[in-house]
Protein backbone atom coordinates (compact mmCIF):
# COMPACT_ATOMS: atom_id res chain seq x y z
CA MET A 1 28.48 21.23 -21.79
CA ARG A 2 28.24 24.12 -19.35
CA LEU A 3 24.88 25.22 -20.99
CA LEU A 4 23.65 21.50 -20.11
CA LEU A 5 24.81 21.74 -16.61
CA ALA A 6 23.21 25.17 -16.07
CA LEU A 7 19.80 23.82 -17.51
CA ILE A 8 19.95 20.72 -15.25
CA PHE A 9 20.47 22.99 -12.32
CA LEU A 10 17.75 25.37 -13.39
CA ALA A 11 15.33 22.35 -13.92
CA SER A 12 16.07 21.07 -10.39
CA CYS A 13 14.94 24.56 -8.78
CA THR A 14 11.24 23.87 -9.33
CA PHE A 15 8.52 25.08 -6.95
CA ILE A 16 6.78 22.24 -4.96
CA ASP A 17 3.12 23.17 -4.19
CA ASP A 18 1.72 21.01 -1.26
CA LYS A 19 -2.22 21.36 -0.50
CA ARG A 20 -3.58 19.42 2.53
CA GLY A 21 -6.97 19.23 4.20
CA ASN A 22 -10.55 20.00 3.23
CA ILE A 23 -11.38 22.34 0.67
CA ILE A 24 -14.58 24.08 1.74
CA LYS A 25 -16.49 25.65 -1.14
CA PRO A 26 -18.54 28.74 -0.23
CA GLU A 27 -21.87 27.34 -1.48
CA LYS A 28 -21.45 24.29 0.64
CA GLN A 29 -20.75 26.31 3.84
CA GLU A 30 -23.76 28.61 3.05
CA ASN A 31 -25.90 25.27 3.38
CA ILE A 32 -24.86 25.01 7.01
CA ILE A 33 -27.44 26.87 8.94
CA GLU A 34 -26.93 27.71 12.79
CA GLY A 35 -29.76 26.28 14.72
CA PHE A 36 -31.02 24.11 11.85
CA THR A 37 -28.59 21.69 10.24
CA THR A 38 -27.33 18.58 12.31
CA ALA A 39 -24.18 17.01 12.73
CA GLN A 40 -25.19 14.34 10.24
CA GLN A 41 -26.06 16.71 7.46
CA VAL A 42 -22.73 18.40 7.96
CA PHE A 43 -21.05 15.34 7.49
CA LYS A 44 -22.75 14.45 4.50
CA GLU A 45 -22.29 17.97 3.16
CA LEU A 46 -18.54 18.57 4.03
CA GLY A 47 -17.38 15.20 4.83
CA SER A 48 -15.32 14.06 7.84
CA PRO A 49 -13.64 16.72 9.89
CA SER A 50 -9.86 17.16 9.78
CA THR A 51 -9.99 17.15 13.56
CA THR A 52 -12.32 17.57 16.55
CA SER A 53 -11.76 19.43 19.78
CA ASP A 54 -9.67 17.95 22.44
CA PHE A 55 -11.77 19.62 25.30
CA ASN A 56 -15.11 19.54 23.71
CA SER A 57 -15.85 16.74 21.16
CA LYS A 58 -18.82 18.93 19.88
CA VAL A 59 -16.60 21.14 17.60
CA TRP A 60 -15.42 19.87 14.38
CA TYR A 61 -12.53 21.63 12.49
CA TYR A 62 -12.02 21.38 8.85
CA ILE A 63 -8.56 22.62 7.93
CA TYR A 64 -6.94 23.47 4.63
CA SER A 65 -3.52 24.77 3.71
CA GLU A 66 -1.24 25.39 0.77
CA THR A 67 2.44 25.50 1.09
CA ASN A 68 5.24 26.29 -1.60
CA ALA A 69 8.97 25.60 -1.41
CA ALA A 70 11.62 26.11 -3.77
CA PHE A 71 14.36 23.43 -3.96
CA PHE A 72 15.93 23.32 -0.42
CA TYR A 73 14.22 26.33 1.07
CA GLU A 74 11.88 26.01 3.82
CA PRO A 75 8.29 25.78 2.83
CA VAL A 76 6.15 29.24 2.84
CA ASN A 77 2.67 28.82 4.06
CA ASP A 78 0.42 30.71 1.28
CA THR A 79 -3.05 29.87 2.51
CA GLN A 80 -4.47 28.65 5.68
CA GLN A 81 -8.31 28.23 6.41
CA VAL A 82 -10.02 26.78 9.41
CA LEU A 83 -13.79 26.18 9.57
CA ALA A 84 -15.03 25.31 13.17
CA ILE A 85 -18.49 24.01 13.61
CA GLU A 86 -19.88 23.78 16.98
CA PHE A 87 -22.71 21.55 17.86
CA ASP A 88 -25.16 21.80 20.89
CA ASN A 89 -26.15 18.67 23.03
CA ALA A 90 -28.87 17.85 20.43
CA GLY A 91 -26.35 17.56 17.77
CA VAL A 92 -27.57 20.83 15.86
CA VAL A 93 -25.11 23.57 14.58
CA LYS A 94 -24.57 26.08 17.27
CA SER A 95 -22.13 28.34 15.56
CA VAL A 96 -19.84 28.49 12.29
CA GLN A 97 -16.69 30.24 12.57
CA GLN A 98 -13.98 30.95 9.65
CA PHE A 99 -10.40 31.66 10.53
CA SER A 100 -7.53 32.33 8.14
CA GLU A 101 -3.99 32.96 8.65
CA ASP A 102 -4.62 36.42 9.85
CA ASP A 103 -6.19 34.81 12.93
CA ALA A 104 -3.09 32.52 13.60
CA GLN A 105 -1.07 33.25 16.83
CA SER A 106 2.51 32.17 17.52
CA VAL A 107 3.01 29.60 20.19
CA SER A 108 6.31 29.37 22.09
CA PHE A 109 7.31 26.04 23.38
CA ALA A 110 8.46 25.36 27.05
CA SER A 111 12.07 24.67 27.24
CA ASP A 112 11.97 22.84 30.54
CA THR A 113 12.46 19.14 30.42
CA THR A 114 11.66 16.43 32.79
CA GLU A 115 14.37 13.79 33.28
CA VAL A 116 13.05 10.22 32.51
CA LYS A 117 14.70 7.87 34.89
CA GLY A 118 15.36 4.16 33.75
CA HIS A 119 16.56 4.77 30.24
CA ASN A 120 19.52 7.00 31.10
CA THR A 121 20.46 5.14 34.56
CA TYR A 122 21.95 1.96 32.96
CA GLY A 123 24.25 1.50 30.15
CA PHE A 124 23.51 -0.88 27.16
CA PHE A 125 25.14 -4.04 28.60
CA GLU A 126 23.61 -3.43 32.05
CA GLN A 127 20.21 -3.27 30.53
CA ILE A 128 20.84 -6.56 28.76
CA PHE A 129 22.36 -8.48 31.81
CA ASN A 130 20.36 -6.74 34.53
CA ASN A 131 17.83 -9.55 35.06
CA LEU A 132 20.17 -12.50 35.03
CA GLY A 133 19.87 -14.27 38.18
CA LYS A 134 16.76 -12.40 39.37
CA PHE A 135 14.38 -15.15 38.67
CA SER A 136 14.28 -18.41 40.38
CA LYS A 137 13.13 -21.77 38.94
CA GLN A 138 9.94 -21.92 40.95
CA GLU A 139 8.96 -18.54 39.57
CA ALA A 140 9.29 -19.82 36.10
CA GLU A 141 6.83 -22.66 36.39
């Protein structure tokens, strides 16, 4: 019985591999030539980008990551690759940059908060009954 329980416990400790994003094969990336390849050709070769730049829509990002997790442990990032392709005004590739996890930078979030008025001011019943008597029969017609 103990052996059976031990085997069940060990079987539940499997690794979970999670792969997300676009895997860019080197031979496909070599087909993208700065100053020559158009956005339409990039789309045909690599597919749709994972995201585009918020500040400059002329940059396409192809993002790929692999994470591993064991049972209840926090996932560990094994591989992360980002391919950034920037286009000029004519839609031709201006630059191609490859980033890996070595290029990643830590970002600290601001701890300041802004109070949102309205939701915290009234209680549950006050929100429900707050509008009773505010409307006249003439406004409803």
